[in-house]
Amino acid sequence: MGNMVYLKNVATLSMDTTKCSGCGLCLDVCPHNVFKMNGKSAKIMDRDACMECGACSRNCPTGAISVQSGVGCAAAVINSLLGRNGGECCCGPQTDDSGAPRSGGCCG
């Protein structure tokens, strides 16, 4: 099926390679093979393949990985299928950086 691409340049995934211990847990838990080993530490190989599930950041013992899980379109599609948000597919956070509700709907 080839290499799946989520969306270009939208993932919130970031990594501080100076904190990485090289344990490889991120490689084990990532469902889309976003990470690869680079010597004795991991690195982000394909950020655009990230679906922002958060498994990597939750399992990173050193806190080297950061991702805002549940804010991407994967979460929106799942929530719409579960009947949340009135069944609408909303691809974005429903609040702004300060936590205030976004005007014009969740994607506005």
PDB file of N, CA and C in Angstrom:
ATOM      1  N   MET A   1       0.826  -1.190   0.000  1.00  0.00           N
ATOM      2  CA  MET A   1       0.000   0.000   0.000  1.00  0.00           C
ATOM      3  C   MET A   1       0.872   1.256   0.000  1.00  0.00           C
ATOM      4  N   GLY A   2       2.159   1.108   0.190  1.00  0.00           N
ATOM      5  CA  GLY A   2       3.036   2.270   0.134  1.00  0.00           C
ATOM      6  C   GLY A   2       3.090   3.027   1.432  1.00  0.00           C
ATOM      7  N   ASN A   3       3.751   4.149   1.411  1.00  0.00           N
ATOM      8  CA  ASN A   3       3.896   4.992   2.591  1.00  0.00           C
ATOM      9  C   ASN A   3       2.692   5.914   2.713  1.00  0.00           C
ATOM     10  N   MET A   4       1.950   5.779   3.807  1.00  0.00           N
ATOM     11  CA  MET A   4       0.777   6.612   4.027  1.00  0.00           C
ATOM     12  C   MET A   4       1.220   7.996   4.507  1.00  0.00           C
ATOM     13  N   VAL A   5       0.562   9.028   4.044  1.00  0.00           N
ATOM     14  CA  VAL A   5       0.833  10.393   4.482  1.00  0.00           C
ATOM     15  C   VAL A   5      -0.413  10.911   5.162  1.00  0.00           C
ATOM     16  N   TYR A   6      -0.253  11.405   6.387  1.00  0.00           N
ATOM     17  CA  TYR A   6      -1.384  11.926   7.148  1.00  0.00           C
ATOM     18  C   TYR A   6      -1.755  13.282   6.566  1.00  0.00           C
ATOM     19  N   LEU A   7      -1.104  14.322   6.942  1.00  0.00           N
ATOM     20  CA  LEU A   7      -1.259  15.653   6.358  1.00  0.00           C
ATOM     21  C   LEU A   7       0.120  16.298   6.365  1.00  0.00           C
ATOM     22  N   LYS A   8       0.388  17.159   5.432  1.00  0.00           N
ATOM     23  CA  LYS A   8       1.699  17.802   5.338  1.00  0.00           C
ATOM     24  C   LYS A   8       1.824  18.971   6.324  1.00  0.00           C
ATOM     25  N   ASN A   9       2.930  18.991   7.046  1.00  0.00           N
ATOM     26  CA  ASN A   9       3.326  20.116   7.903  1.00  0.00           C
ATOM     27  C   ASN A   9       2.290  20.560   8.935  1.00  0.00           C
ATOM     28  N   VAL A  10       1.563  19.607   9.542  1.00  0.00           N
ATOM     29  CA  VAL A  10       0.582  19.985  10.562  1.00  0.00           C
ATOM     30  C   VAL A  10       0.781  19.277  11.900  1.00  0.00           C
ATOM     31  N   ALA A  11       1.568  18.227  11.929  1.00  0.00           N
ATOM     32  CA  ALA A  11       1.736  17.467  13.173  1.00  0.00           C
ATOM     33  C   ALA A  11       2.425  18.314  14.244  1.00  0.00           C
ATOM     34  N   THR A  12       1.982  18.155  15.469  1.00  0.00           N
ATOM     35  CA  THR A  12       2.552  18.892  16.596  1.00  0.00           C
ATOM     36  C   THR A  12       3.751  18.170  17.198  1.00  0.00           C
ATOM     37  N   LEU A  13       4.155  17.080  16.615  1.00  0.00           N
ATOM     38  CA  LEU A  13       5.241  16.256  17.116  1.00  0.00           C
ATOM     39  C   LEU A  13       6.570  16.998  17.112  1.00  0.00           C
ATOM     40  N   SER A  14       7.284  16.912  18.235  1.00  0.00           N
ATOM     41  CA  SER A  14       8.644  17.455  18.309  1.00  0.00           C
ATOM     42  C   SER A  14       9.462  16.557  19.227  1.00  0.00           C
ATOM     43  N   MET A  15      10.780  16.644  19.070  1.00  0.00           N
ATOM     44  CA  MET A  15      11.662  15.795  19.857  1.00  0.00           C
ATOM     45  C   MET A  15      12.918  16.556  20.234  1.00  0.00           C
ATOM     46  N   ASP A  16      13.284  16.453  21.499  1.00  0.00           N
ATOM     47  CA  ASP A  16      14.536  17.025  21.989  1.00  0.00           C
ATOM     48  C   ASP A  16      15.549  15.882  22.019  1.00  0.00           C
ATOM     49  N   THR A  17      16.370  15.794  20.987  1.00  0.00           N
ATOM     50  CA  THR A  17      17.307  14.677  20.870  1.00  0.00           C
ATOM     51  C   THR A  17      18.354  14.681  21.983  1.00  0.00           C
ATOM     52  N   THR A  18      18.566  15.820  22.639  1.00  0.00           N
ATOM     53  CA  THR A  18      19.529  15.851  23.743  1.00  0.00           C
ATOM     54  C   THR A  18      19.005  15.098  24.967  1.00  0.00           C
ATOM     55  N   LYS A  19      17.688  14.918  25.055  1.00  0.00           N
ATOM     56  CA  LYS A  19      17.093  14.166  26.165  1.00  0.00           C
ATOM     57  C   LYS A  19      16.932  12.682  25.854  1.00  0.00           C
ATOM     58  N   CYS A  20      17.061  12.307  24.590  1.00  0.00           N
ATOM     59  CA  CYS A  20      16.818  10.924  24.176  1.00  0.00           C
ATOM     60  C   CYS A  20      17.892   9.993  24.733  1.00  0.00           C
ATOM     61  N   SER A  21      17.441   8.886  25.359  1.00  0.00           N
ATOM     62  CA  SER A  21      18.365   7.908  25.930  1.00  0.00           C
ATOM     63  C   SER A  21      18.672   6.773  24.960  1.00  0.00           C
ATOM     64  N   GLY A  22      17.942   6.728  23.839  1.00  0.00           N
ATOM     65  CA  GLY A  22      18.163   5.670  22.858  1.00  0.00           C
ATOM     66  C   GLY A  22      17.496   4.357  23.198  1.00  0.00           C
ATOM     67  N   CYS A  23      16.482   4.389  24.055  1.00  0.00           N
ATOM     68  CA  CYS A  23      15.810   3.153  24.481  1.00  0.00           C
ATOM     69  C   CYS A  23      15.021   2.491  23.352  1.00  0.00           C
ATOM     70  N   GLY A  24      14.551   3.289  22.387  1.00  0.00           N
ATOM     71  CA  GLY A  24      13.814   2.746  21.244  1.00  0.00           C
ATOM     72  C   GLY A  24      12.341   2.499  21.478  1.00  0.00           C
ATOM     73  N   LEU A  25      11.801   2.888  22.636  1.00  0.00           N
ATOM     74  CA  LEU A  25      10.373   2.663  22.892  1.00  0.00           C
ATOM     75  C   LEU A  25       9.494   3.384  21.874  1.00  0.00           C
ATOM     76  N   CYS A  26       9.922   4.569  21.429  1.00  0.00           N
ATOM     77  CA  CYS A  26       9.113   5.306  20.454  1.00  0.00           C
ATOM     78  C   CYS A  26       8.978   4.515  19.152  1.00  0.00           C
ATOM     79  N   LEU A  27      10.036   3.822  18.764  1.00  0.00           N
ATOM     80  CA  LEU A  27       9.977   2.991  17.563  1.00  0.00           C
ATOM     81  C   LEU A  27       9.012   1.835  17.753  1.00  0.00           C
ATOM     82  N   ASP A  28       8.994   1.279  18.964  1.00  0.00           N
ATOM     83  CA  ASP A  28       8.131   0.129  19.252  1.00  0.00           C
ATOM     84  C   ASP A  28       6.653   0.491  19.267  1.00  0.00           C
ATOM     85  N   VAL A  29       6.311   1.671  19.803  1.00  0.00           N
ATOM     86  CA  VAL A  29       4.894   2.002  19.984  1.00  0.00           C
ATOM     87  C   VAL A  29       4.286   2.804  18.838  1.00  0.00           C
ATOM     88  N   CYS A  30       5.097   3.398  17.985  1.00  0.00           N
ATOM     89  CA  CYS A  30       4.557   4.228  16.898  1.00  0.00           C
ATOM     90  C   CYS A  30       3.923   3.361  15.811  1.00  0.00           C
ATOM     91  N   PRO A  31       2.629   3.547  15.548  1.00  0.00           N
ATOM     92  CA  PRO A  31       1.959   2.725  14.539  1.00  0.00           C
ATOM     93  C   PRO A  31       2.316   3.105  13.097  1.00  0.00           C
ATOM     94  N   HIS A  32       2.980   4.230  12.893  1.00  0.00           N
ATOM     95  CA  HIS A  32       3.275   4.690  11.531  1.00  0.00           C
ATOM     96  C   HIS A  32       4.758   4.838  11.233  1.00  0.00           C
ATOM     97  N   ASN A  33       5.609   4.244  12.061  1.00  0.00           N
ATOM     98  CA  ASN A  33       7.056   4.255  11.831  1.00  0.00           C
ATOM     99  C   ASN A  33       7.611   5.654  11.602  1.00  0.00           C
ATOM    100  N   VAL A  34       7.231   6.571  12.465  1.00  0.00           N
ATOM    101  CA  VAL A  34       7.669   7.958  12.362  1.00  0.00           C
ATOM    102  C   VAL A  34       9.135   8.114  12.783  1.00  0.00           C
ATOM    103  N   PHE A  35       9.605   7.239  13.675  1.00  0.00           N
ATOM    104  CA  PHE A  35      10.941   7.373  14.249  1.00  0.00           C
ATOM    105  C   PHE A  35      11.904   6.344  13.672  1.00  0.00           C
ATOM    106  N   LYS A  36      13.197   6.660  13.749  1.00  0.00           N
ATOM    107  CA  LYS A  36      14.242   5.681  13.448  1.00  0.00           C
ATOM    108  C   LYS A  36      15.422   5.990  14.353  1.00  0.00           C
ATOM    109  N   MET A  37      16.271   4.990  14.536  1.00  0.00           N
ATOM    110  CA  MET A  37      17.465   5.174  15.356  1.00  0.00           C
ATOM    111  C   MET A  37      18.519   5.891  14.524  1.00  0.00           C
ATOM    112  N   ASN A  38      19.199   6.812  15.183  1.00  0.00           N
ATOM    113  CA  ASN A  38      20.277   7.576  14.563  1.00  0.00           C
ATOM    114  C   ASN A  38      21.478   7.448  15.497  1.00  0.00           C
ATOM    115  N   GLY A  39      22.232   6.390  15.331  1.00  0.00           N
ATOM    116  CA  GLY A  39      23.309   6.117  16.269  1.00  0.00           C
ATOM    117  C   GLY A  39      22.741   5.641  17.579  1.00  0.00           C
ATOM    118  N   LYS A  40      23.008   6.376  18.657  1.00  0.00           N
ATOM    119  CA  LYS A  40      22.548   5.982  19.984  1.00  0.00           C
ATOM    120  C   LYS A  40      21.305   6.726  20.442  1.00  0.00           C
ATOM    121  N   SER A  41      20.640   7.425  19.533  1.00  0.00           N
ATOM    122  CA  SER A  41      19.392   8.100  19.890  1.00  0.00           C
ATOM    123  C   SER A  41      18.406   7.972  18.734  1.00  0.00           C
ATOM    124  N   ALA A  42      17.153   8.224  19.063  1.00  0.00           N
ATOM    125  CA  ALA A  42      16.107   8.174  18.043  1.00  0.00           C
ATOM    126  C   ALA A  42      15.983   9.547  17.393  1.00  0.00           C
ATOM    127  N   LYS A  43      15.398   9.570  16.217  1.00  0.00           N
ATOM    128  CA  LYS A  43      15.098  10.837  15.561  1.00  0.00           C
ATOM    129  C   LYS A  43      13.795  10.699  14.797  1.00  0.00           C
ATOM    130  N   ILE A  44      13.167  11.825  14.522  1.00  0.00           N
ATOM    131  CA  ILE A  44      11.932  11.829  13.740  1.00  0.00           C
ATOM    132  C   ILE A  44      12.315  11.636  12.281  1.00  0.00           C
ATOM    133  N   MET A  45      11.816  10.569  11.695  1.00  0.00           N
ATOM    134  CA  MET A  45      12.118  10.262  10.308  1.00  0.00           C
ATOM    135  C   MET A  45      11.072  10.852   9.374  1.00  0.00           C
ATOM    136  N   ASP A  46       9.796  10.783   9.766  1.00  0.00           N
ATOM    137  CA  ASP A  46       8.713  11.219   8.889  1.00  0.00           C
ATOM    138  C   ASP A  46       7.599  11.865   9.715  1.00  0.00           C
ATOM    139  N   ARG A  47       7.762  13.141  10.054  1.00  0.00           N
ATOM    140  CA  ARG A  47       6.779  13.862  10.875  1.00  0.00           C
ATOM    141  C   ARG A  47       5.390  13.847  10.226  1.00  0.00           C
ATOM    142  N   ASP A  48       5.329  13.921   8.905  1.00  0.00           N
ATOM    143  CA  ASP A  48       4.034  13.969   8.230  1.00  0.00           C
ATOM    144  C   ASP A  48       3.249  12.663   8.354  1.00  0.00           C
ATOM    145  N   ALA A  49       3.896  11.581   8.746  1.00  0.00           N
ATOM    146  CA  ALA A  49       3.194  10.313   8.947  1.00  0.00           C
ATOM    147  C   ALA A  49       2.562  10.225  10.333  1.00  0.00           C
ATOM    148  N   CYS A  50       2.883  11.174  11.204  1.00  0.00           N
ATOM    149  CA  CYS A  50       2.365  11.170  12.579  1.00  0.00           C
ATOM    150  C   CYS A  50       0.865  11.451  12.607  1.00  0.00           C
ATOM    151  N   MET A  51       0.129  10.587  13.321  1.00  0.00           N
ATOM    152  CA  MET A  51      -1.310  10.794  13.460  1.00  0.00           C
ATOM    153  C   MET A  51      -1.660  11.348  14.840  1.00  0.00           C
ATOM    154  N   GLU A  52      -0.635  11.767  15.587  1.00  0.00           N
ATOM    155  CA  GLU A  52      -0.797  12.411  16.883  1.00  0.00           C
ATOM    156  C   GLU A  52      -1.558  11.561  17.896  1.00  0.00           C
ATOM    157  N   CYS A  53      -1.280  10.270  17.902  1.00  0.00           N
ATOM    158  CA  CYS A  53      -1.946   9.395  18.875  1.00  0.00           C
ATOM    159  C   CYS A  53      -1.389   9.581  20.279  1.00  0.00           C
ATOM    160  N   GLY A  54      -0.128  10.015  20.385  1.00  0.00           N
ATOM    161  CA  GLY A  54       0.473  10.288  21.677  1.00  0.00           C
ATOM    162  C   GLY A  54       1.188   9.118  22.319  1.00  0.00           C
ATOM    163  N   ALA A  55       1.202   7.960  21.679  1.00  0.00           N
ATOM    164  CA  ALA A  55       1.849   6.785  22.276  1.00  0.00           C
ATOM    165  C   ALA A  55       3.332   7.023  22.530  1.00  0.00           C
ATOM    166  N   CYS A  56       3.996   7.709  21.628  1.00  0.00           N
ATOM    167  CA  CYS A  56       5.437   7.950  21.778  1.00  0.00           C
ATOM    168  C   CYS A  56       5.729   8.818  22.997  1.00  0.00           C
ATOM    169  N   SER A  57       4.999   9.911  23.147  1.00  0.00           N
ATOM    170  CA  SER A  57       5.272  10.814  24.272  1.00  0.00           C
ATOM    171  C   SER A  57       4.880  10.179  25.602  1.00  0.00           C
ATOM    172  N   ARG A  58       3.815   9.404  25.627  1.00  0.00           N
ATOM    173  CA  ARG A  58       3.395   8.749  26.862  1.00  0.00           C
ATOM    174  C   ARG A  58       4.385   7.689  27.309  1.00  0.00           C
ATOM    175  N   ASN A  59       5.096   7.095  26.376  1.00  0.00           N
ATOM    176  CA  ASN A  59       6.016   6.013  26.708  1.00  0.00           C
ATOM    177  C   ASN A  59       7.479   6.435  26.763  1.00  0.00           C
ATOM    178  N   CYS A  60       7.791   7.677  26.457  1.00  0.00           N
ATOM    179  CA  CYS A  60       9.174   8.147  26.489  1.00  0.00           C
ATOM    180  C   CYS A  60       9.617   8.362  27.938  1.00  0.00           C
ATOM    181  N   PRO A  61      10.570   7.568  28.426  1.00  0.00           N
ATOM    182  CA  PRO A  61      10.956   7.670  29.834  1.00  0.00           C
ATOM    183  C   PRO A  61      11.718   8.950  30.180  1.00  0.00           C
ATOM    184  N   THR A  62      12.256   9.640  29.183  1.00  0.00           N
ATOM    185  CA  THR A  62      13.037  10.844  29.466  1.00  0.00           C
ATOM    186  C   THR A  62      12.308  12.134  29.112  1.00  0.00           C
ATOM    187  N   GLY A  63      11.087  12.032  28.577  1.00  0.00           N
ATOM    188  CA  GLY A  63      10.328  13.226  28.200  1.00  0.00           C
ATOM    189  C   GLY A  63      10.899  13.950  26.990  1.00  0.00           C
ATOM    190  N   ALA A  64      11.588  13.212  26.130  1.00  0.00           N
ATOM    191  CA  ALA A  64      12.208  13.822  24.952  1.00  0.00           C
ATOM    192  C   ALA A  64      11.203  14.131  23.856  1.00  0.00           C
ATOM    193  N   ILE A  65      10.044  13.485  23.890  1.00  0.00           N
ATOM    194  CA  ILE A  65       9.063  13.624  22.808  1.00  0.00           C
ATOM    195  C   ILE A  65       7.842  14.394  23.298  1.00  0.00           C
ATOM    196  N   SER A  66       7.383  15.310  22.469  1.00  0.00           N
ATOM    197  CA  SER A  66       6.197  16.100  22.775  1.00  0.00           C
ATOM    198  C   SER A  66       5.247  16.049  21.583  1.00  0.00           C
ATOM    199  N   VAL A  67       3.991  15.804  21.858  1.00  0.00           N
ATOM    200  CA  VAL A  67       2.955  15.831  20.819  1.00  0.00           C
ATOM    201  C   VAL A  67       1.627  16.129  21.501  1.00  0.00           C
ATOM    202  N   GLN A  68       0.816  16.939  20.870  1.00  0.00           N
ATOM    203  CA  GLN A  68      -0.503  17.252  21.413  1.00  0.00           C
ATOM    204  C   GLN A  68      -1.474  16.186  20.929  1.00  0.00           C
ATOM    205  N   SER A  69      -1.524  15.075  21.649  1.00  0.00           N
ATOM    206  CA  SER A  69      -2.391  13.979  21.232  1.00  0.00           C
ATOM    207  C   SER A  69      -3.853  14.378  21.349  1.00  0.00           C
ATOM    208  N   GLY A  70      -4.637  13.900  20.414  1.00  0.00           N
ATOM    209  CA  GLY A  70      -6.070  14.163  20.429  1.00  0.00           C
ATOM    210  C   GLY A  70      -6.479  15.456  19.766  1.00  0.00           C
ATOM    211  N   VAL A  71      -5.554  16.194  19.157  1.00  0.00           N
ATOM    212  CA  VAL A  71      -5.943  17.439  18.495  1.00  0.00           C
ATOM    213  C   VAL A  71      -5.914  17.318  16.976  1.00  0.00           C
ATOM    214  N   GLY A  72      -5.388  16.248  16.470  1.00  0.00           N
ATOM    215  CA  GLY A  72      -5.264  16.097  15.021  1.00  0.00           C
ATOM    216  C   GLY A  72      -6.527  15.570  14.380  1.00  0.00           C
ATOM    217  N   CYS A  73      -6.488  15.441  13.079  1.00  0.00           N
ATOM    218  CA  CYS A  73      -7.656  14.969  12.334  1.00  0.00           C
ATOM    219  C   CYS A  73      -7.984  13.517  12.639  1.00  0.00           C
ATOM    220  N   ALA A  74      -6.992  12.724  13.048  1.00  0.00           N
ATOM    221  CA  ALA A  74      -7.287  11.342  13.418  1.00  0.00           C
ATOM    222  C   ALA A  74      -8.278  11.325  14.581  1.00  0.00           C
ATOM    223  N   ALA A  75      -8.038  12.174  15.565  1.00  0.00           N
ATOM    224  CA  ALA A  75      -8.953  12.255  16.709  1.00  0.00           C
ATOM    225  C   ALA A  75     -10.320  12.753  16.264  1.00  0.00           C
ATOM    226  N   ALA A  76     -10.348  13.703  15.350  1.00  0.00           N
ATOM    227  CA  ALA A  76     -11.627  14.247  14.881  1.00  0.00           C
ATOM    228  C   ALA A  76     -12.448  13.192  14.158  1.00  0.00           C
ATOM    229  N   VAL A  77     -11.791  12.409  13.332  1.00  0.00           N
ATOM    230  CA  VAL A  77     -12.500  11.363  12.596  1.00  0.00           C
ATOM    231  C   VAL A  77     -13.043  10.320  13.564  1.00  0.00           C
ATOM    232  N   ILE A  78     -12.229   9.897  14.523  1.00  0.00           N
ATOM    233  CA  ILE A  78     -12.672   8.907  15.511  1.00  0.00           C
ATOM    234  C   ILE A  78     -13.834   9.452  16.330  1.00  0.00           C
ATOM    235  N   ASN A  79     -13.720  10.696  16.796  1.00  0.00           N
ATOM    236  CA  ASN A  79     -14.800  11.286  17.584  1.00  0.00           C
ATOM    237  C   ASN A  79     -16.090  11.412  16.777  1.00  0.00           C
ATOM    238  N   SER A  80     -15.977  11.746  15.499  1.00  0.00           N
ATOM    239  CA  SER A  80     -17.189  11.864  14.688  1.00  0.00           C
ATOM    240  C   SER A  80     -17.837  10.500  14.480  1.00  0.00           C
ATOM    241  N   LEU A  81     -17.008   9.456  14.318  1.00  0.00           N
ATOM    242  CA  LEU A  81     -17.549   8.108  14.156  1.00  0.00           C
ATOM    243  C   LEU A  81     -18.224   7.613  15.433  1.00  0.00           C
ATOM    244  N   LEU A  82     -17.747   8.113  16.573  1.00  0.00           N
ATOM    245  CA  LEU A  82     -18.344   7.743  17.861  1.00  0.00           C
ATOM    246  C   LEU A  82     -19.553   8.610  18.204  1.00  0.00           C
ATOM    247  N   GLY A  83     -19.889   9.547  17.324  1.00  0.00           N
ATOM    248  CA  GLY A  83     -21.049  10.404  17.538  1.00  0.00           C
ATOM    249  C   GLY A  83     -20.786  11.602  18.421  1.00  0.00           C
ATOM    250  N   ARG A  84     -19.536  11.869  18.725  1.00  0.00           N
ATOM    251  CA  ARG A  84     -19.192  13.046  19.523  1.00  0.00           C
ATOM    252  C   ARG A  84     -19.187  14.275  18.623  1.00  0.00           C
ATOM    253  N   ASN A  85     -19.221  15.446  19.192  1.00  0.00           N
ATOM    254  CA  ASN A  85     -19.243  16.714  18.444  1.00  0.00           C
ATOM    255  C   ASN A  85     -20.423  16.774  17.478  1.00  0.00           C
ATOM    256  N   GLY A  86     -21.519  16.157  17.832  1.00  0.00           N
ATOM    257  CA  GLY A  86     -22.697  16.176  16.979  1.00  0.00           C
ATOM    258  C   GLY A  86     -22.498  15.406  15.685  1.00  0.00           C
ATOM    259  N   GLY A  87     -21.496  14.516  15.651  1.00  0.00           N
ATOM    260  CA  GLY A  87     -21.234  13.730  14.451  1.00  0.00           C
ATOM    261  C   GLY A  87     -20.450  14.473  13.400  1.00  0.00           C
ATOM    262  N   GLU A  88     -20.078  15.733  13.691  1.00  0.00           N
ATOM    263  CA  GLU A  88     -19.304  16.507  12.717  1.00  0.00           C
ATOM    264  C   GLU A  88     -17.830  16.160  12.823  1.00  0.00           C
ATOM    265  N   CYS A  89     -17.170  16.146  11.691  1.00  0.00           N
ATOM    266  CA  CYS A  89     -15.735  15.913  11.666  1.00  0.00           C
ATOM    267  C   CYS A  89     -15.032  17.261  11.768  1.00  0.00           C
ATOM    268  N   CYS A  90     -14.360  17.467  12.875  1.00  0.00           N
ATOM    269  CA  CYS A  90     -13.686  18.736  13.118  1.00  0.00           C
ATOM    270  C   CYS A  90     -12.194  18.493  13.225  1.00  0.00           C
ATOM    271  N   CYS A  91     -11.431  19.064  12.325  1.00  0.00           N
ATOM    272  CA  CYS A  91      -9.986  18.806  12.274  1.00  0.00           C
ATOM    273  C   CYS A  91      -9.195  19.907  12.940  1.00  0.00           C
ATOM    274  N   GLY A  92      -9.299  20.031  14.224  1.00  0.00           N
ATOM    275  CA  GLY A  92      -8.508  21.029  14.919  1.00  0.00           C
ATOM    276  C   GLY A  92      -8.945  21.176  16.354  1.00  0.00           C
ATOM    277  N   PRO A  93      -8.120  21.818  17.146  1.00  0.00           N
ATOM    278  CA  PRO A  93      -8.495  22.023  18.543  1.00  0.00           C
ATOM    279  C   PRO A  93      -9.691  22.958  18.655  1.00  0.00           C
ATOM    280  N   GLN A  94     -10.516  22.718  19.645  1.00  0.00           N
ATOM    281  CA  GLN A  94     -11.708  23.533  19.814  1.00  0.00           C
ATOM    282  C   GLN A  94     -11.451  24.756  20.671  1.00  0.00           C
ATOM    283  N   THR A  95     -10.226  24.876  21.173  1.00  0.00           N
ATOM    284  CA  THR A  95      -9.853  26.053  21.947  1.00  0.00           C
ATOM    285  C   THR A  95      -8.567  26.632  21.383  1.00  0.00           C
ATOM    286  N   ASP A  96      -8.331  27.905  21.663  1.00  0.00           N
ATOM    287  CA  ASP A  96      -7.082  28.522  21.223  1.00  0.00           C
ATOM    288  C   ASP A  96      -5.997  28.258  22.258  1.00  0.00           C
ATOM    289  N   ASP A  97      -4.823  28.844  22.083  1.00  0.00           N
ATOM    290  CA  ASP A  97      -3.689  28.592  22.966  1.00  0.00           C
ATOM    291  C   ASP A  97      -3.956  28.974  24.426  1.00  0.00           C
ATOM    292  N   SER A  98      -4.859  29.919  24.641  1.00  0.00           N
ATOM    293  CA  SER A  98      -5.176  30.352  26.017  1.00  0.00           C
ATOM    294  C   SER A  98      -6.244  29.484  26.653  1.00  0.00           C
ATOM    295  N   GLY A  99      -6.845  28.566  25.889  1.00  0.00           N
ATOM    296  CA  GLY A  99      -7.899  27.716  26.409  1.00  0.00           C
ATOM    297  C   GLY A  99      -9.292  28.241  26.147  1.00  0.00           C
ATOM    298  N   ALA A 100      -9.386  29.406  25.502  1.00  0.00           N
ATOM    299  CA  ALA A 100     -10.685  29.989  25.185  1.00  0.00           C
ATOM    300  C   ALA A 100     -11.277  29.291  23.961  1.00  0.00           C
ATOM    301  N   PRO A 101     -12.612  29.151  23.921  1.00  0.00           N
ATOM    302  CA  PRO A 101     -13.231  28.533  22.756  1.00  0.00           C
ATOM    303  C   PRO A 101     -12.933  29.316  21.484  1.00  0.00           C
ATOM    304  N   ARG A 102     -12.692  28.560  20.410  1.00  0.00           N
ATOM    305  CA  ARG A 102     -12.435  29.198  19.120  1.00  0.00           C
ATOM    306  C   ARG A 102     -13.736  29.775  18.579  1.00  0.00           C
ATOM    307  N   SER A 103     -13.652  30.949  17.970  1.00  0.00           N
ATOM    308  CA  SER A 103     -14.838  31.515  17.344  1.00  0.00           C
ATOM    309  C   SER A 103     -14.979  30.920  15.946  1.00  0.00           C
ATOM    310  N   GLY A 104     -16.195  30.847  15.467  1.00  0.00           N
ATOM    311  CA  GLY A 104     -16.426  30.314  14.126  1.00  0.00           C
ATOM    312  C   GLY A 104     -16.295  28.808  14.047  1.00  0.00           C
ATOM    313  N   GLY A 105     -16.532  28.106  15.156  1.00  0.00           N
ATOM    314  CA  GLY A 105     -16.436  26.656  15.154  1.00  0.00           C
ATOM    315  C   GLY A 105     -15.021  26.214  15.471  1.00  0.00           C
ATOM    316  N   CYS A 106     -14.845  24.921  15.583  1.00  0.00           N
ATOM    317  CA  CYS A 106     -13.554  24.415  16.034  1.00  0.00           C
ATOM    318  C   CYS A 106     -12.460  24.585  14.994  1.00  0.00           C
ATOM    319  N   CYS A 107     -12.796  24.749  13.759  1.00  0.00           N
ATOM    320  CA  CYS A 107     -11.773  24.883  12.727  1.00  0.00           C
ATOM    321  C   CYS A 107     -11.555  26.330  12.321  1.00  0.00           C
ATOM    322  N   GLY A 108     -12.275  27.249  12.946  1.00  0.00           N
ATOM    323  CA  GLY A 108     -12.192  28.646  12.549  1.00  0.00           C
ATOM    324  C   GLY A 108     -11.107  29.430  13.150  1.00  0.00           C
TER     325      GLY A 108
END
